[in-house]
Amino acid sequence: MGSVPLMEKPFGPEAIHAMSATFDSAWQDLEASGNIFSSQFSSRSTADWARKNIATRILTTVLRGERDPDHLSEDALAHLAHVLPRK
């Protein structure tokens, strides 16, 4: 993941709402799936890693102009699946 210059671009209420709703939705979907929390992926550090990756992907996508929470959530989870450590 590339670095995101957070201080260069302020977020308005629409973007903040989209990011918040998206993160909550994506995290609930991930927990419900049980995939990342099964077997070797049950550690707290893995949960923190997943939360960071989801948040970073959402932020990066919002910086590119996307505001639809459904699209942001789907994209973040697809990205997480792509970067998920393999056995």
C-alpha atoms as a PDB file:
ATOM      1  CA  MET A   1       0.000   0.000   0.000  1.00  0.00           C
ATOM      2  CA  GLY A   2       1.270   3.412  -0.883  1.00  0.00           C
ATOM      3  CA  SER A   3       1.440   6.291   1.493  1.00  0.00           C
ATOM      4  CA  VAL A   4      -1.597   8.562   1.688  1.00  0.00           C
ATOM      5  CA  PRO A   5      -0.993  12.289   2.348  1.00  0.00           C
ATOM      6  CA  LEU A   6      -3.798  12.710   4.898  1.00  0.00           C
ATOM      7  CA  MET A   7      -3.182  16.333   5.803  1.00  0.00           C
ATOM      8  CA  GLU A   8      -3.297  17.572   2.229  1.00  0.00           C
ATOM      9  CA  LYS A   9      -6.982  16.821   1.657  1.00  0.00           C
ATOM     10  CA  PRO A  10      -9.739  17.596   4.171  1.00  0.00           C
ATOM     11  CA  PHE A  11     -12.798  15.377   4.345  1.00  0.00           C
ATOM     12  CA  GLY A  12     -16.313  16.771   4.343  1.00  0.00           C
ATOM     13  CA  PRO A  13     -19.305  15.294   6.147  1.00  0.00           C
ATOM     14  CA  GLU A  14     -20.269  13.095   3.165  1.00  0.00           C
ATOM     15  CA  ALA A  15     -16.844  11.473   2.995  1.00  0.00           C
ATOM     16  CA  ILE A  16     -16.614  10.994   6.761  1.00  0.00           C
ATOM     17  CA  HIS A  17     -20.058   9.391   6.851  1.00  0.00           C
ATOM     18  CA  ALA A  18     -19.191   7.108   3.925  1.00  0.00           C
ATOM     19  CA  MET A  19     -15.939   5.994   5.551  1.00  0.00           C
ATOM     20  CA  SER A  20     -17.518   5.353   8.940  1.00  0.00           C
ATOM     21  CA  ALA A  21     -20.513   3.443   7.583  1.00  0.00           C
ATOM     22  CA  THR A  22     -18.280   1.468   5.263  1.00  0.00           C
ATOM     23  CA  PHE A  23     -15.778   0.448   7.907  1.00  0.00           C
ATOM     24  CA  ASP A  24     -18.526  -0.701  10.280  1.00  0.00           C
ATOM     25  CA  SER A  25     -20.271  -2.657   7.533  1.00  0.00           C
ATOM     26  CA  ALA A  26     -17.089  -4.265   6.205  1.00  0.00           C
ATOM     27  CA  TRP A  27     -15.945  -5.274   9.683  1.00  0.00           C
ATOM     28  CA  GLN A  28     -19.342  -6.804  10.520  1.00  0.00           C
ATOM     29  CA  ASP A  29     -19.301  -8.740   7.238  1.00  0.00           C
ATOM     30  CA  LEU A  30     -15.777  -9.981   7.927  1.00  0.00           C
ATOM     31  CA  GLU A  31     -16.614 -11.085  11.468  1.00  0.00           C
ATOM     32  CA  ALA A  32     -19.750 -12.835  10.242  1.00  0.00           C
ATOM     33  CA  SER A  33     -17.768 -14.750   7.632  1.00  0.00           C
ATOM     34  CA  GLY A  34     -15.392 -16.149  10.232  1.00  0.00           C
ATOM     35  CA  ASN A  35     -12.711 -16.585   7.566  1.00  0.00           C
ATOM     36  CA  ILE A  36      -9.942 -14.456   9.013  1.00  0.00           C
ATOM     37  CA  PHE A  37     -10.628 -15.524  12.574  1.00  0.00           C
ATOM     38  CA  SER A  38     -10.411 -19.266  12.026  1.00  0.00           C
ATOM     39  CA  SER A  39      -7.402 -21.502  12.701  1.00  0.00           C
ATOM     40  CA  GLN A  40      -4.094 -19.622  12.348  1.00  0.00           C
ATOM     41  CA  PHE A  41      -5.819 -16.268  11.878  1.00  0.00           C
ATOM     42  CA  SER A  42      -7.331 -16.112  15.363  1.00  0.00           C
ATOM     43  CA  SER A  43      -4.746 -13.864  16.980  1.00  0.00           C
ATOM     44  CA  ARG A  44      -5.417 -10.314  18.101  1.00  0.00           C
ATOM     45  CA  SER A  45      -2.578  -9.060  15.914  1.00  0.00           C
ATOM     46  CA  THR A  46      -4.321 -10.502  12.861  1.00  0.00           C
ATOM     47  CA  ALA A  47      -7.553  -8.707  13.763  1.00  0.00           C
ATOM     48  CA  ASP A  48      -5.609  -5.457  14.160  1.00  0.00           C
ATOM     49  CA  TRP A  49      -3.866  -6.100  10.846  1.00  0.00           C
ATOM     50  CA  ALA A  50      -7.229  -6.684   9.130  1.00  0.00           C
ATOM     51  CA  ARG A  51      -8.782  -3.553  10.654  1.00  0.00           C
ATOM     52  CA  LYS A  52      -5.810  -1.462   9.512  1.00  0.00           C
ATOM     53  CA  ASN A  53      -5.947  -2.874   5.996  1.00  0.00           C
ATOM     54  CA  ILE A  54      -9.695  -2.297   5.688  1.00  0.00           C
ATOM     55  CA  ALA A  55      -9.411   1.274   6.988  1.00  0.00           C
ATOM     56  CA  THR A  56      -6.451   2.090   4.760  1.00  0.00           C
ATOM     57  CA  ARG A  57      -8.172   0.730   1.663  1.00  0.00           C
ATOM     58  CA  ILE A  58     -11.362   2.669   2.418  1.00  0.00           C
ATOM     59  CA  LEU A  59      -9.391   5.868   2.974  1.00  0.00           C
ATOM     60  CA  THR A  60      -7.401   5.401  -0.221  1.00  0.00           C
ATOM     61  CA  THR A  61     -10.556   4.758  -2.249  1.00  0.00           C
ATOM     62  CA  VAL A  62     -12.341   7.784  -0.758  1.00  0.00           C
ATOM     63  CA  LEU A  63      -9.319   9.922  -1.656  1.00  0.00           C
ATOM     64  CA  ARG A  64      -9.877   8.789  -5.252  1.00  0.00           C
ATOM     65  CA  GLY A  65     -13.445  10.133  -5.108  1.00  0.00           C
ATOM     66  CA  GLU A  66     -15.605   7.095  -4.289  1.00  0.00           C
ATOM     67  CA  ARG A  67     -18.393   7.765  -1.769  1.00  0.00           C
ATOM     68  CA  ASP A  68     -20.800   4.817  -2.141  1.00  0.00           C
ATOM     69  CA  PRO A  69     -20.587   2.804   1.118  1.00  0.00           C
ATOM     70  CA  ASP A  70     -21.577  -0.476  -0.578  1.00  0.00           C
ATOM     71  CA  HIS A  71     -18.886  -0.123  -3.219  1.00  0.00           C
ATOM     72  CA  LEU A  72     -16.308   0.969  -0.650  1.00  0.00           C
ATOM     73  CA  SER A  73     -17.094  -2.028   1.565  1.00  0.00           C
ATOM     74  CA  GLU A  74     -16.975  -4.556  -1.269  1.00  0.00           C
ATOM     75  CA  ASP A  75     -13.717  -3.093  -2.525  1.00  0.00           C
ATOM     76  CA  ALA A  76     -12.110  -3.117   0.942  1.00  0.00           C
ATOM     77  CA  LEU A  77     -13.067  -6.746   1.568  1.00  0.00           C
ATOM     78  CA  ALA A  78     -11.913  -7.825  -1.892  1.00  0.00           C
ATOM     79  CA  HIS A  79      -8.606  -6.058  -1.294  1.00  0.00           C
ATOM     80  CA  LEU A  80      -8.251  -7.714   2.114  1.00  0.00           C
ATOM     81  CA  ALA A  81      -8.840 -11.136   0.571  1.00  0.00           C
ATOM     82  CA  HIS A  82      -6.109 -10.362  -1.951  1.00  0.00           C
ATOM     83  CA  VAL A  83      -3.504  -9.337   0.651  1.00  0.00           C
ATOM     84  CA  LEU A  84      -4.477 -11.933   3.273  1.00  0.00           C
ATOM     85  CA  PRO A  85      -1.442 -13.918   4.405  1.00  0.00           C
ATOM     86  CA  ARG A  86      -1.558 -17.496   3.108  1.00  0.00           C
ATOM     87  CA  LYS A  87      -0.632 -20.635   5.032  1.00  0.00           C
END
